[in-house]
Amino acid sequence: MVNPFAETPEEKRELALHMHNNGHTYREICQEVRISPCTLSSIIKSESGYIEDSDKQLLHKSKETRALALYDDNKAPLEVAIELNISTDEAINLYQKFQQINCIPLEDRRLRLQKEIEAIESAKNNAHSHLIYLRNQISEQTRTLEHYTTQCENWRNQLIVLYCQRKQLVGW
């Protein structure tokens, strides 16, 4: 058993954390270190990086900041006016500010999406123009190929005629 007066608060804190990390229960730790469960909970929360109760943090903030936090917790303007002891008009004005601030990310996202859509439309138009160009090139190449095919057919026919004439001249 630890003498509760023989250790400093820091030593108690270290012992409590050591016991907690080694799997001891809250009850065992509180009895051994002679601290309350609330104190033990605070020690463990502070060690794990958990932020203390937000209400305590907000006590030193402006009424506007506290109102925005309450609106973020889905409180109605009337509840905020009562809790912060402000007029309903002021609560409504703060609620309108909260709505504006809350909508900024949506507006930014909408603008980003709109720019993406415009970029996609531009790429689509460029691809369509390129497709038309390629179709024209294929048509032109097809006409050229048809011309050469016809030319080759004419030369082939001329060759056959010449071959037949040669055959007649040679006397086969």
Protein backbone atom coordinates (compact mmCIF):
# COMPACT_ATOMS: atom_id res chain seq x y z
CA MET A 1 0.00 0.00 0.00
CA VAL A 2 1.24 3.45 -0.95
CA ASN A 3 1.40 6.22 1.62
CA PRO A 4 -0.84 8.87 0.00
CA PHE A 5 1.15 11.69 1.56
CA ALA A 6 4.60 10.34 0.72
CA GLU A 7 4.23 10.70 -3.06
CA THR A 8 3.94 13.79 -5.21
CA PRO A 9 1.03 14.11 -7.64
CA GLU A 10 3.45 13.41 -10.49
CA GLU A 11 4.62 10.19 -8.85
CA LYS A 12 1.00 9.13 -8.33
CA ARG A 13 0.29 9.93 -11.95
CA GLU A 14 3.21 7.80 -13.14
CA LEU A 15 2.21 4.90 -10.89
CA ALA A 16 -1.41 5.10 -12.06
CA LEU A 17 -0.33 5.06 -15.72
CA HIS A 18 2.07 2.19 -15.09
CA MET A 19 -0.66 0.13 -13.45
CA HIS A 20 -3.15 1.03 -16.18
CA ASN A 21 -0.70 0.00 -18.91
CA ASN A 22 -0.16 -3.31 -17.10
CA GLY A 23 -3.86 -4.19 -17.17
CA HIS A 24 -4.96 -3.29 -13.63
CA THR A 25 -8.59 -2.31 -13.15
CA TYR A 26 -9.69 1.21 -12.26
CA ARG A 27 -10.72 -0.01 -8.82
CA GLU A 28 -7.30 -1.56 -8.14
CA ILE A 29 -5.47 1.54 -9.34
CA CYS A 30 -7.67 3.94 -7.33
CA GLN A 31 -7.20 1.90 -4.15
CA GLU A 32 -3.45 1.46 -4.57
CA VAL A 33 -2.60 5.01 -5.63
CA ARG A 34 -5.31 6.63 -3.45
CA ILE A 35 -6.92 8.72 -6.16
CA SER A 36 -10.53 9.10 -7.23
CA PRO A 37 -11.88 7.39 -10.37
CA CYS A 38 -12.46 10.85 -11.85
CA THR A 39 -8.80 11.78 -11.31
CA LEU A 40 -7.69 8.47 -12.79
CA SER A 41 -9.91 9.02 -15.80
CA SER A 42 -8.43 12.51 -16.30
CA ILE A 43 -4.88 11.13 -16.05
CA ILE A 44 -5.58 8.40 -18.62
CA LYS A 45 -7.39 10.80 -20.97
CA SER A 46 -4.61 13.38 -20.82
CA GLU A 47 -1.97 10.71 -21.44
CA SER A 48 -3.83 9.32 -24.46
CA GLY A 49 -4.18 12.79 -25.99
CA TYR A 50 -7.89 13.03 -25.27
CA ILE A 51 -8.98 16.65 -24.97
CA GLU A 52 -10.76 17.54 -21.78
CA ASP A 53 -14.45 18.25 -21.82
CA SER A 54 -15.20 20.78 -24.57
CA ASP A 55 -17.58 22.68 -22.30
CA LYS A 56 -14.68 23.52 -19.98
CA GLN A 57 -12.61 24.66 -22.95
CA LEU A 58 -15.42 26.83 -24.26
CA LEU A 59 -15.91 28.67 -20.97
CA HIS A 60 -13.07 31.07 -21.80
CA LYS A 61 -14.20 31.61 -25.41
CA SER A 62 -16.36 34.41 -26.77
CA LYS A 63 -20.13 34.08 -26.82
CA GLU A 64 -20.00 33.88 -30.61
CA THR A 65 -17.58 30.94 -30.51
CA ARG A 66 -19.67 29.18 -27.88
CA ALA A 67 -22.84 29.80 -29.91
CA LEU A 68 -21.24 28.33 -33.04
CA ALA A 69 -20.16 25.27 -31.05
CA LEU A 70 -23.71 24.87 -29.72
CA TYR A 71 -25.17 25.16 -33.22
CA ASP A 72 -22.67 22.54 -34.32
CA ASP A 73 -24.17 20.32 -31.58
CA ASN A 74 -27.60 20.81 -33.26
CA LYS A 75 -28.93 23.26 -30.69
CA ALA A 76 -31.75 25.58 -31.76
CA PRO A 77 -31.31 29.38 -31.64
CA LEU A 78 -33.73 29.60 -28.70
CA GLU A 79 -31.68 27.06 -26.70
CA VAL A 80 -28.49 29.00 -27.50
CA ALA A 81 -30.07 32.30 -26.48
CA ILE A 82 -31.11 30.81 -23.13
CA GLU A 83 -27.83 29.01 -22.47
CA LEU A 84 -25.62 32.00 -23.31
CA ASN A 85 -28.01 34.61 -21.92
CA ILE A 86 -28.15 36.58 -25.18
CA SER A 87 -31.07 38.10 -27.07
CA THR A 88 -32.95 36.00 -29.60
CA ASP A 89 -32.00 38.46 -32.34
CA GLU A 90 -28.33 37.96 -31.51
CA ALA A 91 -28.84 34.18 -31.43
CA ILE A 92 -30.52 34.29 -34.85
CA ASN A 93 -27.71 36.46 -36.29
CA LEU A 94 -25.14 34.00 -34.94
CA TYR A 95 -27.17 31.12 -36.39
CA GLN A 96 -27.12 32.80 -39.80
CA LYS A 97 -23.33 33.17 -39.52
CA PHE A 98 -23.11 29.49 -38.58
CA GLN A 99 -25.14 28.57 -41.67
CA GLN A 100 -22.91 30.67 -43.90
CA ILE A 101 -19.75 29.16 -42.44
CA ASN A 102 -21.22 25.68 -42.68
CA CYS A 103 -22.11 26.18 -46.36
CA ILE A 104 -18.65 27.40 -47.44
CA PRO A 105 -17.25 23.88 -47.93
CA LEU A 106 -20.33 22.95 -49.97
CA GLU A 107 -19.87 26.03 -52.16
CA ASP A 108 -16.17 25.24 -52.63
CA ARG A 109 -17.07 21.67 -53.56
CA ARG A 110 -19.76 22.88 -55.99
CA LEU A 111 -17.26 25.21 -57.68
CA ARG A 112 -14.66 22.41 -57.91
CA LEU A 113 -17.24 20.07 -59.43
CA GLN A 114 -18.34 22.76 -61.86
CA LYS A 115 -14.72 23.28 -62.96
CA GLU A 116 -14.28 19.52 -63.37
CA ILE A 117 -17.44 19.37 -65.49
CA GLU A 118 -16.17 22.24 -67.65
CA ALA A 119 -12.81 20.49 -68.06
CA ILE A 120 -14.57 17.24 -69.02
CA GLU A 121 -16.79 19.10 -71.50
CA SER A 122 -13.72 20.77 -73.01
CA ALA A 123 -11.94 17.41 -73.29
CA LYS A 124 -15.09 15.92 -74.85
CA ASN A 125 -15.25 18.74 -77.42
CA ASN A 126 -11.55 18.30 -78.20
CA ALA A 127 -12.01 14.55 -78.58
CA HIS A 128 -15.04 15.13 -80.83
CA SER A 129 -13.06 17.55 -83.01
CA HIS A 130 -10.20 15.07 -83.20
CA LEU A 131 -12.64 12.29 -84.11
CA ILE A 132 -14.07 14.38 -86.95
CA TYR A 133 -10.52 15.09 -88.16
CA LEU A 134 -9.69 11.36 -88.07
CA ARG A 135 -12.92 10.49 -89.93
CA ASN A 136 -12.00 13.02 -92.63
CA GLN A 137 -8.50 11.55 -92.83
CA ILE A 138 -9.94 8.04 -93.16
CA SER A 139 -12.34 9.20 -95.89
CA GLU A 140 -9.50 10.89 -97.75
CA GLN A 141 -7.28 7.82 -97.41
CA THR A 142 -10.16 5.59 -98.54
CA ARG A 143 -10.66 7.74 -101.68
CA THR A 144 -6.92 7.62 -102.35
CA LEU A 145 -6.93 3.84 -101.89
CA GLU A 146 -9.94 3.50 -104.20
CA HIS A 147 -8.13 5.64 -106.79
CA TYR A 148 -5.01 3.45 -106.61
CA THR A 149 -7.13 0.30 -106.68
CA THR A 150 -8.83 1.55 -109.84
CA GLN A 151 -5.47 2.56 -111.29
CA CYS A 152 -4.03 -0.87 -110.49
CA GLU A 153 -7.06 -2.55 -112.07
CA ASN A 154 -6.56 -0.44 -115.22
CA TRP A 155 -2.86 -1.32 -115.34
CA ARG A 156 -3.70 -4.99 -114.81
CA ASN A 157 -6.18 -4.87 -117.69
CA GLN A 158 -3.61 -3.10 -119.86
CA LEU A 159 -1.05 -5.74 -118.93
CA ILE A 160 -3.46 -8.51 -119.92
CA VAL A 161 -4.10 -6.80 -123.25
CA LEU A 162 -0.37 -6.37 -123.81
CA TYR A 163 0.23 -9.98 -122.85
CA CYS A 164 -2.43 -11.14 -125.30
CA GLN A 165 -0.96 -8.92 -128.05
CA ARG A 166 2.51 -10.30 -127.38
CA LYS A 167 1.12 -13.81 -127.52
CA GLN A 168 -0.42 -13.10 -130.91
CA LEU A 169 2.79 -11.53 -132.21
CA VAL A 170 5.00 -14.34 -131.02
CA GLY A 171 2.54 -16.86 -132.40
CA TRP A 172 1.85 -19.17 -129.63
